[in-house]
């Protein structure tokens, strides 16, 4: 649903947006809902600390004609100082919370910017690291999560 009970624009915050893949999925879903109903529009703000990732994301958004729905900004989930309190209907973070050194600060900032109307939603998607008793496949997965994923992320973000 992309319309608030008061008829205003729904706002979604996508943290650790990277190259905006989740922001684009949210925008496409919002576009479909808007086309099928008389609902008002949705705005998606993607925030990421990497200029390189934001640049790639902006190109993808432009290619898909989503500039009216998605905006990308450089920022840090631990310090969303440019965002208003009680302003977002939903927030997402996919595969990013593991890279936040002060997770409590980030979660407090997310709480601060989200509406306190009982309808707001938070979704965090993350890998979990297998425990030490998961055998050889668990060891391989731990190696991948601890060493390969960070290297790939650094390479992609420049």
C-alpha atoms as a PDB file:
ATOM      1  CA  UNK A   1       0.000   0.000   0.000  1.00  0.00           C
ATOM      2  CA  UNK A   2       1.465   3.344  -0.927  1.00  0.00           C
ATOM      3  CA  UNK A   3      -1.082   5.765   0.465  1.00  0.00           C
ATOM      4  CA  UNK A   4      -1.199   6.837   4.081  1.00  0.00           C
ATOM      5  CA  UNK A   5      -4.527   7.154   5.820  1.00  0.00           C
ATOM      6  CA  UNK A   6      -4.280  10.932   5.382  1.00  0.00           C
ATOM      7  CA  UNK A   7      -3.715  10.623   1.608  1.00  0.00           C
ATOM      8  CA  UNK A   8      -0.138  11.899   1.636  1.00  0.00           C
ATOM      9  CA  UNK A   9       2.827  10.384  -0.150  1.00  0.00           C
ATOM     10  CA  UNK A  10       4.277   7.258   1.425  1.00  0.00           C
ATOM     11  CA  UNK A  11       7.997   7.438   2.097  1.00  0.00           C
ATOM     12  CA  UNK A  12      10.375   4.468   2.193  1.00  0.00           C
ATOM     13  CA  UNK A  13      13.987   4.646   3.359  1.00  0.00           C
ATOM     14  CA  UNK A  14      16.408   2.078   1.905  1.00  0.00           C
ATOM     15  CA  UNK A  15      19.632   2.081   3.927  1.00  0.00           C
ATOM     16  CA  UNK A  16      22.867   0.552   2.612  1.00  0.00           C
ATOM     17  CA  UNK A  17      21.152   0.901  -0.755  1.00  0.00           C
ATOM     18  CA  UNK A  18      24.364   0.130  -2.653  1.00  0.00           C
ATOM     19  CA  UNK A  19      23.543   0.196  -6.352  1.00  0.00           C
ATOM     20  CA  UNK A  20      19.848   0.683  -5.535  1.00  0.00           C
ATOM     21  CA  UNK A  21      18.599  -2.817  -6.348  1.00  0.00           C
ATOM     22  CA  UNK A  22      16.121  -2.912  -3.448  1.00  0.00           C
ATOM     23  CA  UNK A  23      15.103   0.726  -3.988  1.00  0.00           C
ATOM     24  CA  UNK A  24      14.327  -0.118  -7.622  1.00  0.00           C
ATOM     25  CA  UNK A  25      12.279  -3.178  -6.606  1.00  0.00           C
ATOM     26  CA  UNK A  26      10.309  -1.027  -4.144  1.00  0.00           C
ATOM     27  CA  UNK A  27       9.756   1.657  -6.785  1.00  0.00           C
ATOM     28  CA  UNK A  28       8.542  -0.877  -9.355  1.00  0.00           C
ATOM     29  CA  UNK A  29       6.127  -2.369  -6.820  1.00  0.00           C
ATOM     30  CA  UNK A  30       4.854   1.110  -5.926  1.00  0.00           C
ATOM     31  CA  UNK A  31       4.422   1.953  -9.607  1.00  0.00           C
ATOM     32  CA  UNK A  32       2.332  -1.209 -10.121  1.00  0.00           C
ATOM     33  CA  UNK A  33       0.128  -0.411  -7.126  1.00  0.00           C
ATOM     34  CA  UNK A  34      -0.360   3.172  -8.297  1.00  0.00           C
ATOM     35  CA  UNK A  35      -1.291   2.017 -11.797  1.00  0.00           C
ATOM     36  CA  UNK A  36      -3.858  -0.454 -10.435  1.00  0.00           C
ATOM     37  CA  UNK A  37      -5.478   1.915  -7.929  1.00  0.00           C
ATOM     38  CA  UNK A  38      -6.156   5.565  -7.282  1.00  0.00           C
ATOM     39  CA  UNK A  39      -3.547   5.585  -4.515  1.00  0.00           C
ATOM     40  CA  UNK A  40      -1.160   8.483  -4.192  1.00  0.00           C
ATOM     41  CA  UNK A  41       2.521   8.189  -4.928  1.00  0.00           C
ATOM     42  CA  UNK A  42       5.414   6.623  -3.091  1.00  0.00           C
ATOM     43  CA  UNK A  43       8.875   8.116  -2.643  1.00  0.00           C
ATOM     44  CA  UNK A  44      11.923   5.923  -2.030  1.00  0.00           C
ATOM     45  CA  UNK A  45      15.120   7.394  -0.607  1.00  0.00           C
ATOM     46  CA  UNK A  46      18.213   5.225  -0.897  1.00  0.00           C
ATOM     47  CA  UNK A  47      21.157   6.054   1.372  1.00  0.00           C
ATOM     48  CA  UNK A  48      24.660   4.597   1.148  1.00  0.00           C
ATOM     49  CA  UNK A  49      28.112   5.775   2.279  1.00  0.00           C
ATOM     50  CA  UNK A  50      29.773   4.894  -1.058  1.00  0.00           C
ATOM     51  CA  UNK A  51      29.795   7.510  -3.820  1.00  0.00           C
ATOM     52  CA  UNK A  52      30.691   4.807  -6.365  1.00  0.00           C
ATOM     53  CA  UNK A  53      27.692   2.660  -5.419  1.00  0.00           C
ATOM     54  CA  UNK A  54      25.380   5.705  -5.491  1.00  0.00           C
ATOM     55  CA  UNK A  55      26.681   6.665  -8.955  1.00  0.00           C
ATOM     56  CA  UNK A  56      25.973   3.194 -10.340  1.00  0.00           C
ATOM     57  CA  UNK A  57      22.537   3.248  -8.682  1.00  0.00           C
ATOM     58  CA  UNK A  58      21.685   6.642 -10.189  1.00  0.00           C
ATOM     59  CA  UNK A  59      22.529   5.315 -13.658  1.00  0.00           C
ATOM     60  CA  UNK A  60      20.239   2.315 -13.091  1.00  0.00           C
ATOM     61  CA  UNK A  61      17.417   4.552 -11.876  1.00  0.00           C
ATOM     62  CA  UNK A  62      17.779   6.831 -14.898  1.00  0.00           C
ATOM     63  CA  UNK A  63      17.787   3.824 -17.287  1.00  0.00           C
ATOM     64  CA  UNK A  64      14.508   2.627 -15.739  1.00  0.00           C
ATOM     65  CA  UNK A  65      12.835   6.079 -15.663  1.00  0.00           C
ATOM     66  CA  UNK A  66      12.397   5.963 -11.886  1.00  0.00           C
ATOM     67  CA  UNK A  67      13.789   9.433 -11.082  1.00  0.00           C
ATOM     68  CA  UNK A  68      10.377  10.653  -9.917  1.00  0.00           C
ATOM     69  CA  UNK A  69      10.131   7.828  -7.387  1.00  0.00           C
ATOM     70  CA  UNK A  70      13.709   7.079  -6.259  1.00  0.00           C
ATOM     71  CA  UNK A  71      16.319   9.508  -4.924  1.00  0.00           C
ATOM     72  CA  UNK A  72      19.779   8.409  -3.820  1.00  0.00           C
ATOM     73  CA  UNK A  73      21.967  10.234  -1.310  1.00  0.00           C
ATOM     74  CA  UNK A  74      25.293   9.607   0.358  1.00  0.00           C
ATOM     75  CA  UNK A  75      24.850   9.021   4.059  1.00  0.00           C
ATOM     76  CA  UNK A  76      25.561   6.922   7.111  1.00  0.00           C
ATOM     77  CA  UNK A  77      22.861   4.897   8.851  1.00  0.00           C
ATOM     78  CA  UNK A  78      24.373   5.905  12.195  1.00  0.00           C
ATOM     79  CA  UNK A  79      23.849   9.598  11.528  1.00  0.00           C
ATOM     80  CA  UNK A  80      20.760  10.426   9.471  1.00  0.00           C
ATOM     81  CA  UNK A  81      21.002  14.073  10.491  1.00  0.00           C
ATOM     82  CA  UNK A  82      19.544  15.352   7.208  1.00  0.00           C
ATOM     83  CA  UNK A  83      16.343  13.330   7.667  1.00  0.00           C
ATOM     84  CA  UNK A  84      13.352  14.514   9.653  1.00  0.00           C
ATOM     85  CA  UNK A  85      12.074  12.727  12.742  1.00  0.00           C
ATOM     86  CA  UNK A  86       8.892  10.632  12.300  1.00  0.00           C
ATOM     87  CA  UNK A  87       8.989  10.982   8.501  1.00  0.00           C
ATOM     88  CA  UNK A  88       9.222   7.497   6.943  1.00  0.00           C
ATOM     89  CA  UNK A  89       6.498   4.885   6.629  1.00  0.00           C
ATOM     90  CA  UNK A  90       8.986   2.065   6.091  1.00  0.00           C
ATOM     91  CA  UNK A  91      12.704   1.355   6.144  1.00  0.00           C
ATOM     92  CA  UNK A  92      14.771  -1.449   4.651  1.00  0.00           C
ATOM     93  CA  UNK A  93      18.385  -2.557   4.871  1.00  0.00           C
ATOM     94  CA  UNK A  94      19.638  -5.495   2.835  1.00  0.00           C
ATOM     95  CA  UNK A  95      22.997  -7.034   3.608  1.00  0.00           C
ATOM     96  CA  UNK A  96      24.246  -3.848   5.245  1.00  0.00           C
ATOM     97  CA  UNK A  97      23.795  -4.066   8.997  1.00  0.00           C
ATOM     98  CA  UNK A  98      26.862  -6.331   9.266  1.00  0.00           C
ATOM     99  CA  UNK A  99      28.987  -3.435   7.946  1.00  0.00           C
ATOM    100  CA  UNK A 100      27.745  -0.935  10.523  1.00  0.00           C
ATOM    101  CA  UNK A 101      30.255  -0.734  13.394  1.00  0.00           C
ATOM    102  CA  UNK A 102      27.767   0.791  15.839  1.00  0.00           C
ATOM    103  CA  UNK A 103      24.573  -1.106  15.101  1.00  0.00           C
ATOM    104  CA  UNK A 104      22.749   0.374  18.105  1.00  0.00           C
ATOM    105  CA  UNK A 105      23.312   3.896  16.785  1.00  0.00           C
ATOM    106  CA  UNK A 106      21.984   2.921  13.366  1.00  0.00           C
ATOM    107  CA  UNK A 107      18.901   1.246  14.832  1.00  0.00           C
ATOM    108  CA  UNK A 108      18.217   4.305  17.013  1.00  0.00           C
ATOM    109  CA  UNK A 109      18.487   6.565  13.974  1.00  0.00           C
ATOM    110  CA  UNK A 110      16.145   4.332  11.981  1.00  0.00           C
ATOM    111  CA  UNK A 111      13.674   4.435  14.872  1.00  0.00           C
ATOM    112  CA  UNK A 112      13.974   8.221  15.019  1.00  0.00           C
ATOM    113  CA  UNK A 113      13.139   8.799  11.339  1.00  0.00           C
ATOM    114  CA  UNK A 114      10.287   6.260  11.196  1.00  0.00           C
ATOM    115  CA  UNK A 115       6.699   7.280  11.900  1.00  0.00           C
ATOM    116  CA  UNK A 116       5.318   6.145  15.232  1.00  0.00           C
ATOM    117  CA  UNK A 117       1.786   5.559  13.943  1.00  0.00           C
ATOM    118  CA  UNK A 118       1.662   1.811  14.528  1.00  0.00           C
ATOM    119  CA  UNK A 119       1.741   1.148  10.769  1.00  0.00           C
ATOM    120  CA  UNK A 120       5.395   1.745   9.932  1.00  0.00           C
ATOM    121  CA  UNK A 121       7.511  -1.259   8.964  1.00  0.00           C
ATOM    122  CA  UNK A 122      11.210  -2.125   9.201  1.00  0.00           C
ATOM    123  CA  UNK A 123      12.795  -4.911   7.182  1.00  0.00           C
ATOM    124  CA  UNK A 124      16.427  -5.973   7.590  1.00  0.00           C
ATOM    125  CA  UNK A 125      17.731  -8.768   5.362  1.00  0.00           C
ATOM    126  CA  UNK A 126      21.063 -10.271   6.356  1.00  0.00           C
ATOM    127  CA  UNK A 127      23.150 -13.412   6.166  1.00  0.00           C
ATOM    128  CA  UNK A 128      23.636 -15.152   9.457  1.00  0.00           C
ATOM    129  CA  UNK A 129      26.897 -16.877  10.133  1.00  0.00           C
ATOM    130  CA  UNK A 130      26.625 -20.619  10.837  1.00  0.00           C
ATOM    131  CA  UNK A 131      27.754 -21.786  14.248  1.00  0.00           C
ATOM    132  CA  UNK A 132      30.912 -23.825  14.889  1.00  0.00           C
ATOM    133  CA  UNK A 133      28.989 -27.114  15.048  1.00  0.00           C
ATOM    134  CA  UNK A 134      27.739 -27.047  11.434  1.00  0.00           C
ATOM    135  CA  UNK A 135      30.501 -29.151   9.908  1.00  0.00           C
ATOM    136  CA  UNK A 136      32.512 -28.543   6.767  1.00  0.00           C
ATOM    137  CA  UNK A 137      29.766 -26.622   4.945  1.00  0.00           C
ATOM    138  CA  UNK A 138      29.426 -24.305   7.942  1.00  0.00           C
ATOM    139  CA  UNK A 139      33.173 -23.685   7.851  1.00  0.00           C
ATOM    140  CA  UNK A 140      33.019 -22.878   4.144  1.00  0.00           C
ATOM    141  CA  UNK A 141      30.062 -20.536   4.711  1.00  0.00           C
ATOM    142  CA  UNK A 142      31.882 -18.756   7.572  1.00  0.00           C
ATOM    143  CA  UNK A 143      34.953 -18.325   5.372  1.00  0.00           C
ATOM    144  CA  UNK A 144      32.780 -16.931   2.576  1.00  0.00           C
ATOM    145  CA  UNK A 145      30.885 -14.506   4.861  1.00  0.00           C
ATOM    146  CA  UNK A 146      33.972 -13.329   6.754  1.00  0.00           C
ATOM    147  CA  UNK A 147      36.434 -13.012   3.883  1.00  0.00           C
ATOM    148  CA  UNK A 148      34.915 -13.250   0.407  1.00  0.00           C
ATOM    149  CA  UNK A 149      31.795 -11.091   0.901  1.00  0.00           C
ATOM    150  CA  UNK A 150      33.742  -8.107   2.358  1.00  0.00           C
ATOM    151  CA  UNK A 151      36.305  -8.262  -0.470  1.00  0.00           C
ATOM    152  CA  UNK A 152      33.553  -8.404  -3.087  1.00  0.00           C
ATOM    153  CA  UNK A 153      31.738  -5.512  -1.411  1.00  0.00           C
ATOM    154  CA  UNK A 154      34.903  -3.413  -1.305  1.00  0.00           C
ATOM    155  CA  UNK A 155      35.625  -4.163  -4.961  1.00  0.00           C
ATOM    156  CA  UNK A 156      32.109  -3.222  -6.032  1.00  0.00           C
ATOM    157  CA  UNK A 157      32.019  -0.020  -3.991  1.00  0.00           C
ATOM    158  CA  UNK A 158      35.477   1.121  -5.068  1.00  0.00           C
END
